[in-house]
C-alpha atoms as a PDB file:
ATOM      1  CA  MET A   1      18.256  82.351 -29.015  1.00  0.00           C
ATOM      2  CA  SER A   2      14.701  81.216 -28.164  1.00  0.00           C
ATOM      3  CA  ASP A   3      11.353  82.959 -28.594  1.00  0.00           C
ATOM      4  CA  ASN A   4       9.394  80.186 -27.538  1.00  0.00           C
ATOM      5  CA  SER A   5       7.319  80.739 -24.415  1.00  0.00           C
ATOM      6  CA  HIS A   6       6.410  77.065 -23.722  1.00  0.00           C
ATOM      7  CA  PRO A   7       8.101  75.649 -20.652  1.00  0.00           C
ATOM      8  CA  ILE A   8       9.851  72.261 -21.355  1.00  0.00           C
ATOM      9  CA  VAL A   9      11.390  71.842 -18.019  1.00  0.00           C
ATOM     10  CA  GLU A  10       9.558  72.498 -14.773  1.00  0.00           C
ATOM     11  CA  VAL A  11      11.025  72.140 -11.524  1.00  0.00           C
ATOM     12  CA  GLU A  12       9.101  72.646  -8.245  1.00  0.00           C
ATOM     13  CA  HIS A  13      10.529  72.739  -4.616  1.00  0.00           C
ATOM     14  CA  LEU A  14      13.388  70.497  -5.447  1.00  0.00           C
ATOM     15  CA  TRP A  15      15.661  69.401  -2.615  1.00  0.00           C
ATOM     16  CA  LYS A  16      18.808  67.310  -2.375  1.00  0.00           C
ATOM     17  CA  VAL A  17      19.912  66.584   1.059  1.00  0.00           C
ATOM     18  CA  PHE A  18      22.843  64.123   1.954  1.00  0.00           C
ATOM     19  CA  PRO A  19      22.199  62.574   5.393  1.00  0.00           C
ATOM     20  CA  SER A  20      24.817  61.737   7.816  1.00  0.00           C
ATOM     21  CA  ASP A  21      22.994  58.628   8.634  1.00  0.00           C
ATOM     22  CA  PRO A  22      21.041  57.353   5.631  1.00  0.00           C
ATOM     23  CA  LYS A  23      19.364  54.368   7.391  1.00  0.00           C
ATOM     24  CA  ARG A  24      17.783  56.698  10.103  1.00  0.00           C
ATOM     25  CA  TYR A  25      17.121  59.731   8.113  1.00  0.00           C
ATOM     26  CA  CYS A  26      13.629  61.012   7.413  1.00  0.00           C
ATOM     27  CA  PHE A  27      13.357  64.269   5.473  1.00  0.00           C
ATOM     28  CA  ASN A  28      11.134  67.117   6.735  1.00  0.00           C
ATOM     29  CA  ALA A  29      11.572  70.588   4.890  1.00  0.00           C
ATOM     30  CA  GLU A  30      10.435  72.334   8.156  1.00  0.00           C
ATOM     31  CA  LEU A  31      13.166  70.731  10.292  1.00  0.00           C
ATOM     32  CA  ILE A  32      15.830  71.546   7.887  1.00  0.00           C
ATOM     33  CA  ASP A  33      17.792  73.514  10.391  1.00  0.00           C
ATOM     34  CA  GLN A  34      17.691  70.422  12.736  1.00  0.00           C
ATOM     35  CA  HIS A  35      18.838  68.218   9.823  1.00  0.00           C
ATOM     36  CA  LEU A  36      21.969  70.608   9.201  1.00  0.00           C
ATOM     37  CA  ALA A  37      22.788  70.486  12.666  1.00  0.00           C
ATOM     38  CA  ASP A  38      22.655  66.628  12.923  1.00  0.00           C
ATOM     39  CA  GLY A  39      25.247  66.600   9.948  1.00  0.00           C
ATOM     40  CA  CYS A  40      23.318  66.614   7.025  1.00  0.00           C
ATOM     41  CA  VAL A  41      24.363  68.686   3.773  1.00  0.00           C
ATOM     42  CA  ALA A  42      21.527  70.326   1.904  1.00  0.00           C
ATOM     43  CA  ALA A  43      23.073  70.569  -1.644  1.00  0.00           C
ATOM     44  CA  VAL A  44      19.952  71.586  -3.337  1.00  0.00           C
ATOM     45  CA  ARG A  45      17.436  73.764  -1.122  1.00  0.00           C
ATOM     46  CA  ASP A  46      13.878  74.220  -2.460  1.00  0.00           C
ATOM     47  CA  VAL A  47      14.680  75.289  -5.847  1.00  0.00           C
ATOM     48  CA  SER A  48      11.912  76.209  -8.497  1.00  0.00           C
ATOM     49  CA  PHE A  49      12.291  77.257 -11.970  1.00  0.00           C
ATOM     50  CA  GLN A  50      11.010  76.848 -15.501  1.00  0.00           C
ATOM     51  CA  ILE A  51      12.977  76.660 -18.790  1.00  0.00           C
ATOM     52  CA  LYS A  52      11.441  77.583 -22.170  1.00  0.00           C
ATOM     53  CA  THR A  53      11.614  75.404 -25.172  1.00  0.00           C
ATOM     54  CA  GLY A  54      14.865  76.070 -27.298  1.00  0.00           C
ATOM     55  CA  GLU A  55      16.507  78.317 -24.295  1.00  0.00           C
ATOM     56  CA  VAL A  56      19.957  78.093 -23.210  1.00  0.00           C
ATOM     57  CA  PHE A  57      19.540  78.236 -19.348  1.00  0.00           C
ATOM     58  CA  ILE A  58      22.772  78.689 -17.326  1.00  0.00           C
ATOM     59  CA  ILE A  59      23.416  77.670 -13.739  1.00  0.00           C
ATOM     60  CA  MET A  60      26.253  79.419 -12.277  1.00  0.00           C
ATOM     61  CA  GLY A  61      28.010  79.232  -8.921  1.00  0.00           C
ATOM     62  CA  LEU A  62      31.166  78.520  -7.101  1.00  0.00           C
ATOM     63  CA  SER A  63      32.486  75.071  -6.221  1.00  0.00           C
ATOM     64  CA  GLY A  64      30.086  73.637  -3.591  1.00  0.00           C
ATOM     65  CA  SER A  65      27.180  75.623  -4.588  1.00  0.00           C
ATOM     66  CA  GLY A  66      25.080  72.732  -5.649  1.00  0.00           C
ATOM     67  CA  LYS A  67      25.031  73.521  -9.340  1.00  0.00           C
ATOM     68  CA  SER A  68      26.336  70.086 -10.564  1.00  0.00           C
ATOM     69  CA  THR A  69      24.025  68.238  -8.044  1.00  0.00           C
ATOM     70  CA  LEU A  70      21.022  70.123  -9.445  1.00  0.00           C
ATOM     71  CA  ILE A  71      21.714  69.229 -13.022  1.00  0.00           C
ATOM     72  CA  ARG A  72      22.154  65.688 -12.186  1.00  0.00           C
ATOM     73  CA  CYS A  73      18.841  65.694 -10.285  1.00  0.00           C
ATOM     74  CA  LEU A  74      17.160  66.639 -13.423  1.00  0.00           C
ATOM     75  CA  SER A  75      17.716  63.287 -15.008  1.00  0.00           C
ATOM     76  CA  ARG A  76      18.058  61.551 -11.794  1.00  0.00           C
ATOM     77  CA  LEU A  77      21.743  60.608 -11.934  1.00  0.00           C
ATOM     78  CA  ILE A  78      21.406  61.798  -8.503  1.00  0.00           C
ATOM     79  CA  GLU A  79      18.173  61.174  -6.616  1.00  0.00           C
ATOM     80  CA  PRO A  80      16.262  64.121  -5.470  1.00  0.00           C
ATOM     81  CA  THR A  81      15.241  64.010  -1.714  1.00  0.00           C
ATOM     82  CA  ALA A  82      12.055  65.780  -2.471  1.00  0.00           C
ATOM     83  CA  GLY A  83      10.146  67.825  -5.046  1.00  0.00           C
ATOM     84  CA  GLN A  84       9.261  67.517  -8.666  1.00  0.00           C
ATOM     85  CA  VAL A  85      10.943  67.477 -11.977  1.00  0.00           C
ATOM     86  CA  ARG A  86       8.828  67.671 -15.232  1.00  0.00           C
ATOM     87  CA  ILE A  87      10.420  67.387 -18.502  1.00  0.00           C
ATOM     88  CA  ASN A  88       8.437  67.735 -21.837  1.00  0.00           C
ATOM     89  CA  HIS A  89       5.278  66.974 -19.791  1.00  0.00           C
ATOM     90  CA  GLN A  90       6.747  63.856 -18.028  1.00  0.00           C
ATOM     91  CA  ASP A  91       7.126  63.473 -14.334  1.00  0.00           C
ATOM     92  CA  VAL A  92      10.750  62.373 -14.080  1.00  0.00           C
ATOM     93  CA  THR A  93      10.421  61.937 -10.309  1.00  0.00           C
ATOM     94  CA  ALA A  94       7.850  59.470 -10.596  1.00  0.00           C
ATOM     95  CA  MET A  95       9.390  57.202 -13.364  1.00  0.00           C
ATOM     96  CA  ASP A  96      10.384  53.631 -12.568  1.00  0.00           C
ATOM     97  CA  SER A  97      13.927  52.424 -13.614  1.00  0.00           C
ATOM     98  CA  LYS A  98      12.856  51.116 -17.027  1.00  0.00           C
ATOM     99  CA  GLN A  99      10.977  54.495 -17.743  1.00  0.00           C
ATOM    100  CA  LEU A 100      14.026  56.423 -16.431  1.00  0.00           C
ATOM    101  CA  THR A 101      16.439  54.536 -18.897  1.00  0.00           C
ATOM    102  CA  GLU A 102      14.156  55.220 -21.863  1.00  0.00           C
ATOM    103  CA  PHE A 103      13.859  58.891 -20.866  1.00  0.00           C
ATOM    104  CA  ARG A 104      17.693  59.384 -20.557  1.00  0.00           C
ATOM    105  CA  ARG A 105      18.161  57.628 -24.103  1.00  0.00           C
ATOM    106  CA  THR A 106      15.412  59.624 -25.825  1.00  0.00           C
ATOM    107  CA  GLU A 107      14.473  62.878 -23.909  1.00  0.00           C
ATOM    108  CA  ALA A 108      17.459  64.389 -22.188  1.00  0.00           C
ATOM    109  CA  ALA A 109      21.362  63.740 -23.179  1.00  0.00           C
ATOM    110  CA  MET A 110      24.129  64.449 -20.742  1.00  0.00           C
ATOM    111  CA  VAL A 111      27.466  65.997 -21.646  1.00  0.00           C
ATOM    112  CA  PHE A 112      30.181  65.814 -18.892  1.00  0.00           C
ATOM    113  CA  GLN A 113      33.252  67.793 -18.067  1.00  0.00           C
ATOM    114  CA  HIS A 114      35.417  64.827 -18.255  1.00  0.00           C
ATOM    115  CA  TYR A 115      34.221  63.366 -21.524  1.00  0.00           C
ATOM    116  CA  GLY A 116      33.279  59.923 -20.494  1.00  0.00           C
ATOM    117  CA  LEU A 117      34.649  58.379 -23.708  1.00  0.00           C
ATOM    118  CA  LEU A 118      35.100  54.649 -23.883  1.00  0.00           C
ATOM    119  CA  PRO A 119      39.001  54.149 -24.481  1.00  0.00           C
ATOM    120  CA  HIS A 120      38.676  50.943 -26.274  1.00  0.00           C
ATOM    121  CA  ARG A 121      36.248  52.232 -28.905  1.00  0.00           C
ATOM    122  CA  ASN A 122      37.027  54.436 -31.659  1.00  0.00           C
ATOM    123  CA  VAL A 123      35.298  57.856 -32.348  1.00  0.00           C
ATOM    124  CA  LEU A 124      32.418  56.269 -34.424  1.00  0.00           C
ATOM    125  CA  ASP A 125      31.846  53.617 -31.948  1.00  0.00           C
ATOM    126  CA  ASN A 126      32.018  56.061 -29.024  1.00  0.00           C
ATOM    127  CA  VAL A 127      29.383  58.319 -30.779  1.00  0.00           C
ATOM    128  CA  SER A 128      26.952  55.455 -31.771  1.00  0.00           C
ATOM    129  CA  PHE A 129      27.192  53.695 -28.511  1.00  0.00           C
ATOM    130  CA  GLY A 130      24.013  55.019 -27.157  1.00  0.00           C
ATOM    131  CA  LEU A 131      22.145  53.889 -30.334  1.00  0.00           C
ATOM    132  CA  LYS A 132      23.568  50.498 -29.831  1.00  0.00           C
ATOM    133  CA  LEU A 133      22.111  50.380 -26.368  1.00  0.00           C
ATOM    134  CA  ARG A 134      18.690  51.250 -27.982  1.00  0.00           C
ATOM    135  CA  GLY A 135      19.010  48.330 -30.239  1.00  0.00           C
ATOM    136  CA  MET A 136      19.520  50.194 -33.562  1.00  0.00           C
ATOM    137  CA  GLU A 137      21.026  48.117 -36.251  1.00  0.00           C
ATOM    138  CA  ARG A 138      24.768  48.980 -37.211  1.00  0.00           C
ATOM    139  CA  PRO A 139      24.127  50.538 -40.697  1.00  0.00           C
ATOM    140  CA  GLU A 140      21.610  53.131 -39.376  1.00  0.00           C
ATOM    141  CA  ARG A 141      23.485  53.925 -36.239  1.00  0.00           C
ATOM    142  CA  ASP A 142      26.801  54.357 -38.044  1.00  0.00           C
ATOM    143  CA  GLU A 143      25.097  56.670 -40.586  1.00  0.00           C
ATOM    144  CA  ARG A 144      23.857  58.733 -37.764  1.00  0.00           C
ATOM    145  CA  ALA A 145      27.012  58.858 -35.846  1.00  0.00           C
ATOM    146  CA  ARG A 146      28.771  60.039 -39.016  1.00  0.00           C
ATOM    147  CA  GLU A 147      26.185  62.981 -39.346  1.00  0.00           C
ATOM    148  CA  ALA A 148      26.792  64.043 -35.774  1.00  0.00           C
ATOM    149  CA  ILE A 149      30.648  63.766 -36.032  1.00  0.00           C
ATOM    150  CA  GLU A 150      30.467  65.910 -39.086  1.00  0.00           C
ATOM    151  CA  LYS A 151      28.289  68.412 -37.286  1.00  0.00           C
ATOM    152  CA  VAL A 152      30.993  68.932 -34.690  1.00  0.00           C
ATOM    153  CA  GLY A 153      33.616  69.227 -37.261  1.00  0.00           C
ATOM    154  CA  LEU A 154      35.446  66.115 -36.914  1.00  0.00           C
ATOM    155  CA  GLY A 155      34.682  64.187 -40.061  1.00  0.00           C
ATOM    156  CA  GLY A 156      37.664  61.974 -41.128  1.00  0.00           C
ATOM    157  CA  TRP A 157      38.292  61.186 -37.547  1.00  0.00           C
ATOM    158  CA  GLU A 158      36.021  58.228 -37.195  1.00  0.00           C
ATOM    159  CA  THR A 159      38.604  55.415 -36.738  1.00  0.00           C
ATOM    160  CA  TYR A 160      40.845  57.301 -34.136  1.00  0.00           C
ATOM    161  CA  TYR A 161      40.737  56.380 -30.554  1.00  0.00           C
ATOM    162  CA  PRO A 162      40.140  58.890 -27.634  1.00  0.00           C
ATOM    163  CA  GLU A 163      44.011  58.736 -26.541  1.00  0.00           C
ATOM    164  CA  GLN A 164      44.839  60.107 -30.166  1.00  0.00           C
ATOM    165  CA  LEU A 165      42.671  63.244 -29.886  1.00  0.00           C
ATOM    166  CA  SER A 166      43.252  66.468 -28.056  1.00  0.00           C
ATOM    167  CA  GLY A 167      41.033  67.508 -24.992  1.00  0.00           C
ATOM    168  CA  GLY A 168      39.084  69.768 -27.336  1.00  0.00           C
ATOM    169  CA  MET A 169      38.490  66.959 -29.819  1.00  0.00           C
ATOM    170  CA  GLN A 170      37.398  64.488 -27.156  1.00  0.00           C
ATOM    171  CA  GLN A 171      34.891  67.288 -25.966  1.00  0.00           C
ATOM    172  CA  ARG A 172      33.507  67.376 -29.496  1.00  0.00           C
ATOM    173  CA  ILE A 173      32.989  63.667 -29.488  1.00  0.00           C
ATOM    174  CA  GLY A 174      31.197  64.012 -26.017  1.00  0.00           C
ATOM    175  CA  ILE A 175      28.889  66.448 -27.730  1.00  0.00           C
ATOM    176  CA  ALA A 176      28.308  64.417 -30.945  1.00  0.00           C
ATOM    177  CA  ARG A 177      27.485  61.452 -28.572  1.00  0.00           C
ATOM    178  CA  ALA A 178      24.725  63.619 -27.090  1.00  0.00           C
ATOM    179  CA  LEU A 179      23.576  65.027 -30.567  1.00  0.00           C
ATOM    180  CA  VAL A 180      23.117  61.562 -32.151  1.00  0.00           C
ATOM    181  CA  GLN A 181      20.650  60.773 -29.622  1.00  0.00           C
ATOM    182  CA  ASP A 182      18.374  63.587 -31.079  1.00  0.00           C
ATOM    183  CA  THR A 183      16.903  64.318 -27.740  1.00  0.00           C
ATOM    184  CA  LYS A 184      15.030  67.788 -27.266  1.00  0.00           C
ATOM    185  CA  ILE A 185      17.341  68.639 -24.074  1.00  0.00           C
ATOM    186  CA  LEU A 186      20.966  68.790 -23.536  1.00  0.00           C
ATOM    187  CA  LEU A 187      22.251  68.683 -20.003  1.00  0.00           C
ATOM    188  CA  MET A 188      25.864  70.038 -20.040  1.00  0.00           C
ATOM    189  CA  ASP A 189      27.909  69.977 -16.758  1.00  0.00           C
ATOM    190  CA  GLU A 190      30.823  72.346 -17.126  1.00  0.00           C
ATOM    191  CA  PRO A 191      31.590  70.613 -20.343  1.00  0.00           C
ATOM    192  CA  PHE A 192      34.552  73.172 -21.332  1.00  0.00           C
ATOM    193  CA  SER A 193      35.961  73.879 -17.853  1.00  0.00           C
ATOM    194  CA  GLY A 194      39.013  71.529 -18.240  1.00  0.00           C
ATOM    195  CA  LEU A 195      39.905  73.001 -21.511  1.00  0.00           C
ATOM    196  CA  ASP A 196      42.617  75.735 -22.538  1.00  0.00           C
ATOM    197  CA  PRO A 197      41.240  79.246 -22.976  1.00  0.00           C
ATOM    198  CA  LEU A 198      41.645  79.066 -26.773  1.00  0.00           C
ATOM    199  CA  ILE A 199      40.060  75.932 -27.006  1.00  0.00           C
ATOM    200  CA  ARG A 200      37.543  76.674 -24.551  1.00  0.00           C
ATOM    201  CA  ARG A 201      36.672  79.775 -26.798  1.00  0.00           C
ATOM    202  CA  GLU A 202      36.367  77.450 -29.816  1.00  0.00           C
ATOM    203  CA  MET A 203      34.197  75.253 -28.187  1.00  0.00           C
ATOM    204  CA  GLN A 204      31.634  77.873 -27.215  1.00  0.00           C
ATOM    205  CA  ASP A 205      31.840  79.070 -30.873  1.00  0.00           C
ATOM    206  CA  GLU A 206      30.902  75.587 -31.968  1.00  0.00           C
ATOM    207  CA  LEU A 207      28.091  75.337 -29.520  1.00  0.00           C
ATOM    208  CA  LEU A 208      26.588  78.671 -30.431  1.00  0.00           C
ATOM    209  CA  ARG A 209      26.820  77.319 -34.087  1.00  0.00           C
ATOM    210  CA  LEU A 210      25.119  73.987 -33.368  1.00  0.00           C
ATOM    211  CA  GLN A 211      22.354  75.900 -31.352  1.00  0.00           C
ATOM    212  CA  GLY A 212      21.704  78.113 -34.224  1.00  0.00           C
ATOM    213  CA  GLU A 213      21.233  75.113 -36.322  1.00  0.00           C
ATOM    214  CA  LEU A 214      19.484  72.748 -33.875  1.00  0.00           C
ATOM    215  CA  HIS A 215      17.607  74.884 -31.557  1.00  0.00           C
ATOM    216  CA  LYS A 216      17.931  72.506 -28.510  1.00  0.00           C
ATOM    217  CA  THR A 217      16.862  73.225 -24.967  1.00  0.00           C
ATOM    218  CA  ILE A 218      20.171  73.306 -23.075  1.00  0.00           C
ATOM    219  CA  VAL A 219      20.818  73.440 -19.382  1.00  0.00           C
ATOM    220  CA  PHE A 220      24.553  74.467 -18.807  1.00  0.00           C
ATOM    221  CA  VAL A 221      26.417  74.556 -15.736  1.00  0.00           C
ATOM    222  CA  THR A 222      29.438  76.736 -15.241  1.00  0.00           C
ATOM    223  CA  HIS A 223      31.608  78.757 -12.750  1.00  0.00           C
ATOM    224  CA  ASP A 224      32.711  81.084 -15.388  1.00  0.00           C
ATOM    225  CA  VAL A 225      30.711  84.188 -15.701  1.00  0.00           C
ATOM    226  CA  SER A 226      32.160  85.242 -19.081  1.00  0.00           C
ATOM    227  CA  GLU A 227      30.999  81.842 -20.516  1.00  0.00           C
ATOM    228  CA  ALA A 228      27.533  82.318 -18.966  1.00  0.00           C
ATOM    229  CA  ILE A 229      27.091  85.690 -20.429  1.00  0.00           C
ATOM    230  CA  ARG A 230      28.277  84.488 -23.925  1.00  0.00           C
ATOM    231  CA  LEU A 231      26.064  81.315 -24.102  1.00  0.00           C
ATOM    232  CA  GLY A 232      23.088  81.962 -21.973  1.00  0.00           C
ATOM    233  CA  ASP A 233      19.490  83.319 -22.794  1.00  0.00           C
ATOM    234  CA  ARG A 234      18.942  83.516 -19.056  1.00  0.00           C
ATOM    235  CA  MET A 235      20.954  82.479 -16.036  1.00  0.00           C
ATOM    236  CA  ALA A 236      20.716  81.606 -12.432  1.00  0.00           C
ATOM    237  CA  VAL A 237      23.294  82.545  -9.838  1.00  0.00           C
ATOM    238  CA  MET A 238      23.461  79.771  -7.095  1.00  0.00           C
ATOM    239  CA  LYS A 239      24.851  79.697  -3.699  1.00  0.00           C
ATOM    240  CA  ASN A 240      24.502  77.342  -0.832  1.00  0.00           C
ATOM    241  CA  GLY A 241      21.854  75.135  -2.839  1.00  0.00           C
ATOM    242  CA  VAL A 242      19.560  78.145  -3.674  1.00  0.00           C
ATOM    243  CA  PHE A 243      19.208  80.683  -6.616  1.00  0.00           C
ATOM    244  CA  VAL A 244      20.269  83.778  -5.313  1.00  0.00           C
ATOM    245  CA  GLN A 245      19.330  85.555  -8.612  1.00  0.00           C
ATOM    246  CA  THR A 246      17.713  84.683 -11.847  1.00  0.00           C
ATOM    247  CA  GLY A 247      17.441  86.877 -15.183  1.00  0.00           C
ATOM    248  CA  THR A 248      19.131  87.570 -18.461  1.00  0.00           C
ATOM    249  CA  PRO A 249      22.865  88.134 -18.366  1.00  0.00           C
ATOM    250  CA  ARG A 250      22.345  91.903 -19.084  1.00  0.00           C
ATOM    251  CA  GLU A 251      19.851  92.155 -15.915  1.00  0.00           C
ATOM    252  CA  ILE A 252      22.361  90.319 -13.679  1.00  0.00           C
ATOM    253  CA  ILE A 253      25.375  92.421 -14.991  1.00  0.00           C
ATOM    254  CA  THR A 254      23.599  95.804 -14.355  1.00  0.00           C
ATOM    255  CA  ASN A 255      21.532  94.835 -11.322  1.00  0.00           C
ATOM    256  CA  PRO A 256      23.295  92.406  -9.037  1.00  0.00           C
ATOM    257  CA  VAL A 257      20.999  91.461  -6.306  1.00  0.00           C
ATOM    258  CA  ASP A 258      23.680  91.209  -3.421  1.00  0.00           C
ATOM    259  CA  ASP A 259      27.482  91.348  -2.770  1.00  0.00           C
ATOM    260  CA  TYR A 260      27.870  87.753  -3.866  1.00  0.00           C
ATOM    261  CA  VAL A 261      26.409  88.286  -7.325  1.00  0.00           C
ATOM    262  CA  GLN A 262      28.460  91.532  -7.468  1.00  0.00           C
ATOM    263  CA  ARG A 263      31.641  89.686  -6.915  1.00  0.00           C
ATOM    264  CA  PHE A 264      30.760  87.527  -9.776  1.00  0.00           C
ATOM    265  CA  VAL A 265      30.063  89.981 -12.339  1.00  0.00           C
ATOM    266  CA  GLN A 266      32.415  92.874 -11.464  1.00  0.00           C
ATOM    267  CA  ASP A 267      34.957  92.177 -14.024  1.00  0.00           C
ATOM    268  CA  GLU A 268      32.297  92.093 -16.631  1.00  0.00           C
ATOM    269  CA  GLN A 269      31.075  95.199 -15.507  1.00  0.00           C
ATOM    270  CA  LYS A 270      34.359  96.758 -16.049  1.00  0.00           C
ATOM    271  CA  ILE A 271      34.709  95.215 -19.530  1.00  0.00           C
ATOM    272  CA  SER A 272      31.204  96.738 -20.331  1.00  0.00           C
ATOM    273  CA  HIS A 273      32.280 100.113 -19.084  1.00  0.00           C
ATOM    274  CA  ILE A 274      35.408 100.026 -21.021  1.00  0.00           C
ATOM    275  CA  ALA A 275      33.305  99.016 -24.140  1.00  0.00           C
ATOM    276  CA  GLU A 276      30.907 101.934 -23.533  1.00  0.00           C
ATOM    277  CA  ASP A 277      33.730 104.443 -23.033  1.00  0.00           C
ATOM    278  CA  ARG A 278      35.306 103.277 -26.293  1.00  0.00           C
ATOM    279  CA  HIS A 279      31.812 103.660 -28.040  1.00  0.00           C
ATOM    280  CA  LYS A 280      31.401 107.024 -26.657  1.00  0.00           C
ATOM    281  CA  GLN A 281      35.103 108.045 -27.632  1.00  0.00           C
ATOM    282  CA  SER A 282      34.486 106.676 -31.142  1.00  0.00           C
ATOM    283  CA  LYS A 283      31.419 108.761 -31.597  1.00  0.00           C
ATOM    284  CA  VAL A 284      33.109 111.953 -30.420  1.00  0.00           C
ATOM    285  CA  LEU A 285      35.963 111.368 -32.978  1.00  0.00           C
ATOM    286  CA  SER A 286      33.494 110.640 -35.519  1.00  0.00           C
ATOM    287  CA  LEU A 287      31.569 113.916 -34.813  1.00  0.00           C
ATOM    288  CA  GLU A 288      35.013 115.804 -34.734  1.00  0.00           C
ATOM    289  CA  ALA A 289      35.836 114.442 -38.073  1.00  0.00           C
ATOM    290  CA  ARG A 290      32.595 115.564 -39.520  1.00  0.00           C
ATOM    291  CA  SER A 291      33.058 118.848 -38.228  1.00  0.00           C
ATOM    292  CA  ASN A 292      36.402 119.156 -39.605  1.00  0.00           C
ATOM    293  CA  GLU A 293      35.152 117.928 -42.991  1.00  0.00           C
ATOM    294  CA  LYS A 294      32.388 120.510 -42.980  1.00  0.00           C
ATOM    295  CA  SER A 295      34.608 123.331 -41.842  1.00  0.00           C
ATOM    296  CA  GLY A 296      37.231 122.556 -44.540  1.00  0.00           C
ATOM    297  CA  HIS A 297      34.456 122.309 -47.144  1.00  0.00           C
ATOM    298  CA  LYS A 298      33.247 125.921 -46.080  1.00  0.00           C
ATOM    299  CA  LYS A 299      36.687 127.318 -46.417  1.00  0.00           C
ATOM    300  CA  ALA A 300      37.160 125.822 -49.877  1.00  0.00           C
ATOM    301  CA  GLN A 301      34.069 127.236 -50.998  1.00  0.00           C
ATOM    302  CA  SER A 302      35.050 130.744 -49.434  1.00  0.00           C
ATOM    303  CA  GLY A 303      38.131 130.725 -51.438  1.00  0.00           C
ATOM    304  CA  ARG A 304      36.824 130.089 -54.768  1.00  0.00           C
END
């Protein structure tokens, strides 16, 4: 968890609108209602936020809420329509193609839901592939790739191919491929959503362990509120392209701003209430045990 107050990610008035006719479209935020009436889709609407260095920031929402579009706008895998993205004091929205390629290789690594592994390359070559694109010599990139593979708990699997690995192992390779870039920021778009529940839990544990060691700044997209609460320092709940509520997991669970957020967190509220009731019951039983112990002790003394 982070205690650094310096923002490393700054997003201001970000829009992503998919026009019905790209050739004739000209964006104007003041005319957004007209744009929508003409068939445009506003996936991200005037979103602004900051992320502190070393923070795990969760973007949570249902399918179609705009969360995956937003995280892809941060590195311009999807081009924003308007607004500004600054990462580590660099204006990402103003970069040319060469600067953007270098930025993606050195500043912000992406981890995808569907792994994106190269099937004809083994684990070692998959993890080191980004370093090869940088022009790094084979001995150095292999050494760094082996270190990253060890960090995600897959030492000894370097010569295996993706088809020989389970889904959880493939996702570990995806994370190792991001870690080997040694970027300050990880952008993770629902990386565990395709995994079985037990494997998903293991991967969450692994990410928490790695974060405790490496202290990366992580932007993590999910539709799972339990995952968001477990991993996040702060979280934003997204609906129809806007942030409905932003805060710590505890703030959002205890004070949902509207019915949409309430529906998201209601199961976690029930679990929290059950845990509180058990804690209270445990205290009562403990007090009763102490009382009985004292009573027995007094009776023993009076019988002497």
